[in-house]
Amino acid sequence: QGEDDAASLRAEAADLAAEAERWRRSHEEEVECSSLAAEKAEEELRDLHSQVSEWRQKFAGQAEDKEAGAAEAADKLSGLTSDLETAREALAKQEASARGAAEEAADKLSTLVSDLEAAQEALAKEE
């Protein structure tokens, strides 16, 4: 009976060893799959970081371009404002000159009218 017990224990031990080996292999596959999944996730994360860096550079460049465009537009606007002010000043000078010429013409016309009236009076006296 001792031999039977020993044989039974050896059989149980062999079964347990086989079960342990099967368990180790199945978990090894799970660990390997998990490891592969982790590597893939790390690779995807690196790709995302790279893409984010590219976007940052792209948008930073676009922002710089927009700032440069805005500065250029501001310069142009400043130049146009200056040109407009110069044109206003020139127009004001022309208006002042035109007013002066009109006043001078009115004075001359008034003098001519006075001279004409005086000539008419003198003519009337001679008649």
N, C-alpha and C. Protein backbone atom coordinates (compact mmCIF):
# COMPACT_ATOMS: atom_id res chain seq x y z
N GLN A 1 0.83 -1.19 0.00
CA GLN A 1 0.00 0.00 0.00
C GLN A 1 0.87 1.25 0.00
N GLY A 2 2.01 1.21 0.59
CA GLY A 2 2.93 2.35 0.60
C GLY A 2 3.39 2.67 -0.81
N GLU A 3 3.57 1.59 -1.60
CA GLU A 3 3.99 1.82 -2.97
C GLU A 3 2.85 2.46 -3.78
N ASP A 4 1.63 2.01 -3.48
CA ASP A 4 0.47 2.61 -4.17
C ASP A 4 0.32 4.08 -3.80
N ASP A 5 0.51 4.34 -2.52
CA ASP A 5 0.42 5.73 -2.07
C ASP A 5 1.52 6.57 -2.73
N ALA A 6 2.70 6.02 -2.79
CA ALA A 6 3.82 6.73 -3.40
C ALA A 6 3.55 6.95 -4.88
N ALA A 7 3.02 5.91 -5.55
CA ALA A 7 2.71 6.03 -6.98
C ALA A 7 1.60 7.06 -7.18
N SER A 8 0.63 7.04 -6.30
CA SER A 8 -0.47 7.99 -6.39
C SER A 8 0.05 9.41 -6.18
N LEU A 9 0.96 9.57 -5.21
CA LEU A 9 1.53 10.89 -4.95
C LEU A 9 2.38 11.35 -6.14
N ARG A 10 3.13 10.38 -6.73
CA ARG A 10 3.93 10.74 -7.90
C ARG A 10 3.03 11.16 -9.07
N ALA A 11 1.91 10.46 -9.23
CA ALA A 11 0.98 10.78 -10.31
C ALA A 11 0.37 12.16 -10.08
N GLU A 12 0.00 12.42 -8.83
CA GLU A 12 -0.55 13.74 -8.49
C GLU A 12 0.50 14.83 -8.72
N ALA A 13 1.74 14.52 -8.33
CA ALA A 13 2.82 15.48 -8.51
C ALA A 13 3.05 15.74 -9.99
N ALA A 14 2.98 14.66 -10.79
CA ALA A 14 3.16 14.82 -12.23
C ALA A 14 2.01 15.64 -12.81
N ASP A 15 0.79 15.35 -12.35
CA ASP A 15 -0.36 16.14 -12.81
C ASP A 15 -0.21 17.62 -12.43
N LEU A 16 0.21 17.84 -11.18
CA LEU A 16 0.41 19.22 -10.72
C LEU A 16 1.52 19.92 -11.51
N ALA A 17 2.58 19.17 -11.81
CA ALA A 17 3.68 19.74 -12.58
C ALA A 17 3.20 20.09 -13.99
N ALA A 18 2.41 19.18 -14.58
CA ALA A 18 1.87 19.43 -15.93
C ALA A 18 0.93 20.64 -15.90
N GLU A 19 0.08 20.69 -14.88
CA GLU A 19 -0.83 21.84 -14.73
C GLU A 19 -0.05 23.14 -14.54
N ALA A 20 1.00 23.10 -13.74
CA ALA A 20 1.84 24.28 -13.51
C ALA A 20 2.51 24.72 -14.81
N GLU A 21 2.97 23.76 -15.60
CA GLU A 21 3.60 24.08 -16.88
C GLU A 21 2.60 24.72 -17.83
N ARG A 22 1.37 24.15 -17.88
CA ARG A 22 0.33 24.73 -18.74
C ARG A 22 0.00 26.16 -18.28
N TRP A 23 -0.12 26.34 -16.99
CA TRP A 23 -0.43 27.66 -16.43
C TRP A 23 0.69 28.65 -16.76
N ARG A 24 1.95 28.22 -16.61
CA ARG A 24 3.10 29.08 -16.89
C ARG A 24 3.09 29.49 -18.36
N ARG A 25 2.83 28.52 -19.26
CA ARG A 25 2.82 28.82 -20.69
C ARG A 25 1.69 29.80 -21.06
N SER A 26 0.50 29.55 -20.52
CA SER A 26 -0.63 30.44 -20.84
C SER A 26 -0.36 31.85 -20.32
N HIS A 27 0.21 31.93 -19.13
CA HIS A 27 0.50 33.26 -18.58
C HIS A 27 1.69 33.90 -19.29
N GLU A 28 2.60 33.08 -19.76
CA GLU A 28 3.72 33.60 -20.54
C GLU A 28 3.19 34.28 -21.80
N GLU A 29 2.23 33.64 -22.45
CA GLU A 29 1.61 34.21 -23.65
C GLU A 29 0.88 35.51 -23.31
N GLU A 30 0.17 35.52 -22.19
CA GLU A 30 -0.52 36.73 -21.77
C GLU A 30 0.47 37.85 -21.49
N VAL A 31 1.58 37.49 -20.82
CA VAL A 31 2.59 38.49 -20.50
C VAL A 31 3.21 39.00 -21.80
N GLU A 32 3.49 38.07 -22.73
CA GLU A 32 4.06 38.46 -24.02
C GLU A 32 3.09 39.35 -24.79
N CYS A 33 1.80 38.97 -24.80
CA CYS A 33 0.80 39.81 -25.47
C CYS A 33 0.71 41.18 -24.81
N SER A 34 0.72 41.20 -23.49
CA SER A 34 0.67 42.46 -22.76
C SER A 34 1.91 43.30 -23.06
N SER A 35 3.04 42.66 -23.14
CA SER A 35 4.28 43.36 -23.45
C SER A 35 4.23 43.94 -24.85
N LEU A 36 3.73 43.15 -25.81
CA LEU A 36 3.59 43.64 -27.18
C LEU A 36 2.61 44.81 -27.24
N ALA A 37 1.50 44.69 -26.52
CA ALA A 37 0.51 45.76 -26.49
C ALA A 37 1.12 47.04 -25.87
N ALA A 38 1.91 46.86 -24.83
CA ALA A 38 2.56 48.01 -24.19
C ALA A 38 3.56 48.66 -25.16
N GLU A 39 4.31 47.85 -25.89
CA GLU A 39 5.26 48.39 -26.87
C GLU A 39 4.51 49.16 -27.96
N LYS A 40 3.40 48.59 -28.43
CA LYS A 40 2.61 49.24 -29.46
C LYS A 40 2.05 50.57 -28.93
N ALA A 41 1.56 50.55 -27.70
CA ALA A 41 1.02 51.77 -27.09
C ALA A 41 2.11 52.83 -26.96
N GLU A 42 3.32 52.41 -26.56
CA GLU A 42 4.43 53.36 -26.45
C GLU A 42 4.78 53.95 -27.81
N GLU A 43 4.77 53.10 -28.85
CA GLU A 43 5.05 53.56 -30.21
C GLU A 43 4.00 54.57 -30.66
N GLU A 44 2.72 54.26 -30.40
CA GLU A 44 1.65 55.19 -30.76
C GLU A 44 1.78 56.50 -29.99
N LEU A 45 2.18 56.41 -28.73
CA LEU A 45 2.38 57.60 -27.92
C LEU A 45 3.52 58.46 -28.48
N ARG A 46 4.62 57.81 -28.89
CA ARG A 46 5.72 58.55 -29.51
C ARG A 46 5.26 59.23 -30.80
N ASP A 47 4.46 58.50 -31.59
CA ASP A 47 3.93 59.08 -32.83
C ASP A 47 3.06 60.30 -32.54
N LEU A 48 2.22 60.18 -31.50
CA LEU A 48 1.36 61.31 -31.13
C LEU A 48 2.19 62.51 -30.67
N HIS A 49 3.23 62.23 -29.86
CA HIS A 49 4.11 63.32 -29.42
C HIS A 49 4.77 63.99 -30.62
N SER A 50 5.21 63.19 -31.57
CA SER A 50 5.83 63.73 -32.78
C SER A 50 4.84 64.58 -33.55
N GLN A 51 3.62 64.09 -33.69
CA GLN A 51 2.59 64.83 -34.42
C GLN A 51 2.26 66.14 -33.71
N VAL A 52 2.17 66.10 -32.39
CA VAL A 52 1.89 67.31 -31.62
C VAL A 52 3.02 68.32 -31.81
N SER A 53 4.26 67.84 -31.81
CA SER A 53 5.40 68.74 -32.04
C SER A 53 5.33 69.37 -33.42
N GLU A 54 5.00 68.56 -34.43
CA GLU A 54 4.86 69.09 -35.79
C GLU A 54 3.77 70.15 -35.84
N TRP A 55 2.62 69.89 -35.19
CA TRP A 55 1.52 70.86 -35.17
C TRP A 55 1.94 72.14 -34.48
N ARG A 56 2.65 71.99 -33.35
CA ARG A 56 3.11 73.18 -32.63
C ARG A 56 3.99 74.03 -33.53
N GLN A 57 4.94 73.38 -34.22
CA GLN A 57 5.83 74.12 -35.11
C GLN A 57 5.03 74.78 -36.23
N LYS A 58 4.10 74.02 -36.80
CA LYS A 58 3.30 74.55 -37.91
C LYS A 58 2.48 75.76 -37.45
N PHE A 59 1.79 75.61 -36.31
CA PHE A 59 0.95 76.71 -35.83
C PHE A 59 1.79 77.88 -35.35
N ALA A 60 2.97 77.60 -34.79
CA ALA A 60 3.86 78.69 -34.39
C ALA A 60 4.30 79.46 -35.63
N GLY A 61 4.62 78.73 -36.69
CA GLY A 61 4.99 79.38 -37.95
C GLY A 61 3.85 80.20 -38.52
N GLN A 62 2.65 79.63 -38.46
CA GLN A 62 1.48 80.37 -38.96
C GLN A 62 1.24 81.62 -38.13
N ALA A 63 1.40 81.48 -36.81
CA ALA A 63 1.21 82.64 -35.93
C ALA A 63 2.24 83.72 -36.25
N GLU A 64 3.51 83.28 -36.49
CA GLU A 64 4.54 84.26 -36.85
C GLU A 64 4.19 84.93 -38.17
N ASP A 65 3.72 84.12 -39.14
CA ASP A 65 3.33 84.69 -40.43
C ASP A 65 2.20 85.69 -40.26
N LYS A 66 1.22 85.34 -39.42
CA LYS A 66 0.09 86.25 -39.20
C LYS A 66 0.55 87.52 -38.50
N GLU A 67 1.47 87.37 -37.53
CA GLU A 67 1.98 88.55 -36.85
C GLU A 67 2.73 89.44 -37.83
N ALA A 68 3.55 88.80 -38.69
CA ALA A 68 4.29 89.58 -39.69
C ALA A 68 3.31 90.27 -40.65
N GLY A 69 2.27 89.54 -41.06
CA GLY A 69 1.26 90.12 -41.94
C GLY A 69 0.53 91.27 -41.27
N ALA A 70 0.22 91.10 -39.99
CA ALA A 70 -0.45 92.17 -39.25
C ALA A 70 0.46 93.39 -39.11
N ALA A 71 1.74 93.14 -38.86
CA ALA A 71 2.69 94.25 -38.75
C ALA A 71 2.81 94.97 -40.10
N GLU A 72 2.86 94.20 -41.18
CA GLU A 72 2.94 94.80 -42.52
C GLU A 72 1.69 95.61 -42.81
N ALA A 73 0.53 95.05 -42.46
CA ALA A 73 -0.73 95.76 -42.68
C ALA A 73 -0.77 97.04 -41.84
N ALA A 74 -0.27 96.97 -40.62
CA ALA A 74 -0.24 98.16 -39.76
C ALA A 74 0.68 99.22 -40.36
N ASP A 75 1.82 98.78 -40.91
CA ASP A 75 2.73 99.73 -41.57
C ASP A 75 2.05 100.38 -42.77
N LYS A 76 1.38 99.56 -43.57
CA LYS A 76 0.68 100.10 -44.75
C LYS A 76 -0.41 101.08 -44.31
N LEU A 77 -1.15 100.70 -43.28
CA LEU A 77 -2.21 101.57 -42.77
C LEU A 77 -1.63 102.88 -42.27
N SER A 78 -0.50 102.78 -41.57
CA SER A 78 0.16 103.99 -41.09
C SER A 78 0.58 104.87 -42.26
N GLY A 79 1.14 104.23 -43.30
CA GLY A 79 1.53 104.99 -44.50
C GLY A 79 0.33 105.63 -45.17
N LEU A 80 -0.77 104.88 -45.28
CA LEU A 80 -1.98 105.44 -45.90
C LEU A 80 -2.54 106.58 -45.06
N THR A 81 -2.50 106.43 -43.75
CA THR A 81 -2.98 107.49 -42.87
C THR A 81 -2.13 108.75 -43.05
N SER A 82 -0.81 108.55 -43.15
CA SER A 82 0.08 109.68 -43.38
C SER A 82 -0.21 110.34 -44.73
N ASP A 83 -0.40 109.51 -45.76
CA ASP A 83 -0.74 110.04 -47.09
C ASP A 83 -2.05 110.81 -47.05
N LEU A 84 -3.03 110.28 -46.33
CA LEU A 84 -4.32 110.95 -46.21
C LEU A 84 -4.17 112.30 -45.51
N GLU A 85 -3.37 112.34 -44.47
CA GLU A 85 -3.14 113.59 -43.75
C GLU A 85 -2.44 114.61 -44.66
N THR A 86 -1.47 114.15 -45.43
CA THR A 86 -0.77 115.03 -46.37
C THR A 86 -1.75 115.58 -47.40
N ALA A 87 -2.63 114.70 -47.92
CA ALA A 87 -3.63 115.13 -48.90
C ALA A 87 -4.59 116.13 -48.28
N ARG A 88 -4.99 115.92 -47.02
CA ARG A 88 -5.87 116.86 -46.34
C ARG A 88 -5.21 118.23 -46.21
N GLU A 89 -3.93 118.21 -45.83
CA GLU A 89 -3.20 119.48 -45.69
C GLU A 89 -3.11 120.19 -47.03
N ALA A 90 -2.80 119.44 -48.10
CA ALA A 90 -2.72 120.05 -49.43
C ALA A 90 -4.07 120.61 -49.85
N LEU A 91 -5.14 119.87 -49.56
CA LEU A 91 -6.49 120.34 -49.90
C LEU A 91 -6.83 121.62 -49.12
N ALA A 92 -6.45 121.64 -47.85
CA ALA A 92 -6.71 122.83 -47.03
C ALA A 92 -5.95 124.03 -47.61
N LYS A 93 -4.70 123.80 -48.05
CA LYS A 93 -3.92 124.90 -48.65
C LYS A 93 -4.57 125.36 -49.95
N GLN A 94 -5.04 124.39 -50.76
CA GLN A 94 -5.71 124.75 -52.02
C GLN A 94 -6.99 125.53 -51.76
N GLU A 95 -7.75 125.08 -50.73
CA GLU A 95 -8.99 125.80 -50.39
C GLU A 95 -8.68 127.21 -49.94
N ALA A 96 -7.63 127.35 -49.11
CA ALA A 96 -7.25 128.68 -48.64
C ALA A 96 -6.80 129.54 -49.81
N SER A 97 -6.03 128.95 -50.71
CA SER A 97 -5.57 129.69 -51.89
C SER A 97 -6.75 130.07 -52.76
N ALA A 98 -7.70 129.16 -52.96
CA ALA A 98 -8.89 129.44 -53.76
C ALA A 98 -9.72 130.53 -53.11
N ARG A 99 -9.87 130.48 -51.79
CA ARG A 99 -10.61 131.53 -51.09
C ARG A 99 -9.92 132.89 -51.29
N GLY A 100 -8.59 132.87 -51.16
CA GLY A 100 -7.83 134.12 -51.35
C GLY A 100 -8.02 134.66 -52.76
N ALA A 101 -7.95 133.76 -53.74
CA ALA A 101 -8.13 134.18 -55.14
C ALA A 101 -9.55 134.70 -55.34
N ALA A 102 -10.54 134.01 -54.75
CA ALA A 102 -11.93 134.45 -54.89
C ALA A 102 -12.12 135.82 -54.25
N GLU A 103 -11.53 136.01 -53.08
CA GLU A 103 -11.65 137.32 -52.40
C GLU A 103 -10.97 138.41 -53.24
N GLU A 104 -9.80 138.10 -53.81
CA GLU A 104 -9.09 139.06 -54.65
C GLU A 104 -9.92 139.39 -55.89
N ALA A 105 -10.53 138.35 -56.50
CA ALA A 105 -11.38 138.57 -57.68
C ALA A 105 -12.60 139.41 -57.30
N ALA A 106 -13.17 139.14 -56.13
CA ALA A 106 -14.33 139.92 -55.68
C ALA A 106 -13.93 141.38 -55.46
N ASP A 107 -12.73 141.58 -54.87
CA ASP A 107 -12.26 142.96 -54.67
C ASP A 107 -12.06 143.67 -56.01
N LYS A 108 -11.44 142.98 -56.98
CA LYS A 108 -11.21 143.57 -58.31
C LYS A 108 -12.54 143.88 -58.99
N LEU A 109 -13.50 142.92 -58.86
CA LEU A 109 -14.81 143.12 -59.46
C LEU A 109 -15.49 144.33 -58.82
N SER A 110 -15.37 144.44 -57.51
CA SER A 110 -15.96 145.57 -56.79
C SER A 110 -15.32 146.88 -57.27
N THR A 111 -13.99 146.85 -57.44
CA THR A 111 -13.30 148.04 -57.93
C THR A 111 -13.77 148.38 -59.34
N LEU A 112 -13.91 147.38 -60.20
CA LEU A 112 -14.38 147.59 -61.57
C LEU A 112 -15.79 148.16 -61.58
N VAL A 113 -16.64 147.60 -60.71
CA VAL A 113 -18.02 148.10 -60.63
C VAL A 113 -18.01 149.57 -60.19
N SER A 114 -17.17 149.87 -59.19
CA SER A 114 -17.07 151.27 -58.72
C SER A 114 -16.56 152.18 -59.83
N ASP A 115 -15.52 151.69 -60.54
CA ASP A 115 -14.97 152.48 -61.66
C ASP A 115 -16.02 152.67 -62.74
N LEU A 116 -16.79 151.62 -63.03
CA LEU A 116 -17.84 151.70 -64.05
C LEU A 116 -18.91 152.71 -63.63
N GLU A 117 -19.31 152.64 -62.37
CA GLU A 117 -20.32 153.59 -61.87
C GLU A 117 -19.80 155.02 -61.95
N ALA A 118 -18.52 155.18 -61.59
CA ALA A 118 -17.92 156.53 -61.64
C ALA A 118 -17.87 157.02 -63.08
N ALA A 119 -17.52 156.11 -64.01
CA ALA A 119 -17.47 156.49 -65.42
C ALA A 119 -18.86 156.84 -65.92
N GLN A 120 -19.86 156.08 -65.49
CA GLN A 120 -21.25 156.37 -65.91
C GLN A 120 -21.69 157.74 -65.37
N GLU A 121 -21.34 158.04 -64.15
CA GLU A 121 -21.69 159.33 -63.56
C GLU A 121 -21.00 160.47 -64.32
N ALA A 122 -19.73 160.25 -64.64
CA ALA A 122 -18.98 161.28 -65.36
C ALA A 122 -19.58 161.48 -66.75
N LEU A 123 -19.97 160.40 -67.38
CA LEU A 123 -20.59 160.46 -68.70
C LEU A 123 -21.93 161.19 -68.62
N ALA A 124 -22.65 160.87 -67.57
CA ALA A 124 -23.96 161.51 -67.39
C ALA A 124 -23.78 163.00 -67.16
N LYS A 125 -22.76 163.44 -66.47
CA LYS A 125 -22.51 164.85 -66.19
C LYS A 125 -22.11 165.56 -67.48
N GLU A 126 -21.38 164.95 -68.33
CA GLU A 126 -20.95 165.56 -69.57
C GLU A 126 -22.11 165.71 -70.52
N GLU A 127 -23.09 164.87 -70.41
CA GLU A 127 -24.22 164.96 -71.34
C GLU A 127 -25.09 166.03 -70.84
